[in-house]
Amino acid sequence: MNTTVTLNPGFFSRRSLADWGFALLSLVGMVFAFANYQQAMDVYEKAILVCAWPAVVWLAWFWRPLRYMMLAVAAFSLLAVFSYQGDLARADTVFGLKYFLSSQSAILWMSMLFFISTVFYWGGMFIRGQSDALETLGSRMAWVAVVLALVGTMVRWYESYLIGADIGHIPVSNLYEVFVLFCWITATFYLYYEDHYQTRALGAFVMLVVSAAVGFLLWYTLVREAHEIQPLVPALKSWWMKLHVPANFIGYGTFALSAMVAFAYLIKQQANETRWFKLTPIWLLGAALCFVPIAFRQRGIGEAGGSYWVVYAAISALIAAGILLGRRRIAERLPAPEILDDVMYKAIAVGFAFFTIATVLGALWAAEAWGGYWSWDPKETWALIVWLNYAAWLHMRLMKGLRGAVAAWWALAGLAVTTFAFLGVNMFLSGLHSYGTL
């Protein structure tokens, strides 16, 4: 009796010519970076660059759309670098830099496109017959916004060195820069789940939290002129920052994503509820969105942008009202509860892993900067609270089979805890992390 055994092809044998071509091109990029910028890197930064190459290749092989995104970011970033010709003043005279590729221009385009993406996604929720087309446009706008966010980040990094070699740093050092980081990380993770589960309906919810972040970013830019590149404070002059902050914001971004998916889950569950006082998730969303401008004005932070926060509150109320009135149509467009539950779980699992790494890296950084691994600084304390919250959520999920509405409510509450750790600590408390105050 003959038995035929079919073996699955190996990982590398499944790679196409395009895969190997991208790997080679990214290797050339790494060599180019070494050849042109190694004088600005210390030994740790060189090690990070070397390790980044296999990571970039693996990501491009794992999810192919990232390949095109990274190529676009590299092409536009290099075009901006060559356009500067070593002179920062050209940002005001060269058309391409002034209107498209300087860091501030690219980030403003990112902001506008995230807003447009949100509108298209919500249009797809309500406009019958055009849902798929509008959601596709929303997805494409989100991709372009992510590209421009990364271009703005890369160009800002270069611009900081044009100001001065002692000022140059990776742009993840203040609230303005990390809000850009939060926006593109959250959107990119969502786009992965969108592609993986073949559903675009969740974009309407996830882009709400991205647009809220963009709204804060615009206020912070216009009123506080936060886009101006500033020298690093001494505590931030460390290579630990390049690892700790991105890992931290992968956690923040995926936690926010999971909360918005949880919100969608609760809307789907309560779509046919007719008693208005039972529609708790919608009322909480409206209250939370309207609380932001109230909190800012209460703290005196919003004085200079009073009318801005009035408009913000009005738009927030309209969004909550639209979800309330259109909840049945929204529920029809959303994927099955099992998919929503799975996305919520996977986003929290990824976020928890990276947040754990970020917490360990933060402790090592603190030991180097302040002489101790832990000091119960308010930021550290609230980071621990965030970590314990999601550790408990995952424990209940894996050990006790936590599912459904309870899991969704817990994930939604987690966003409030995470938001306070991210932003509230900077507004209401002080400590060793006070360089991030508003």
Foldseek 3Di string as FASTA:
>chain_A
DDDDDDDDDDPVVPDDPVLVVLLVVLVVVLVVCCVPPVVLDDPVVNVVSVVVSVVLSVVCSVPVVVSVLVVLLVVLLVVLVVQCVLPPVCCCVPPCNVQDQALVNLLVLLLVLLVQLLVLLVCLLPPPPCNVVSLVSSLVSLSSSLSSLSSSQSNVQVVQVSVHSQQRDRQLQELLSVLSLLLNLLSVLVSVLCVVVVASNLVNQSSVVSNLSSLVNVCCCPQVVVVDRDGHDVLPPDPLCVQLRSLLSLLLSLLSSLLSLLLLQLLLVCVPPDPPVPSVSLVVQLVVQLVVLVLCVVLVNCPRPNVSSVVSNVVSNVVSVVCVVSSNSSSVRDDDQVSSFVSSVVSLVSSLVSLVVSLQSCLVSCCVRPVGSDDVWVLNVLSVVLNVLSVVLVCCCVPVVDDDNVSNVSSNVSNVSSCCSVAVCLRPHDDPPVVHHD
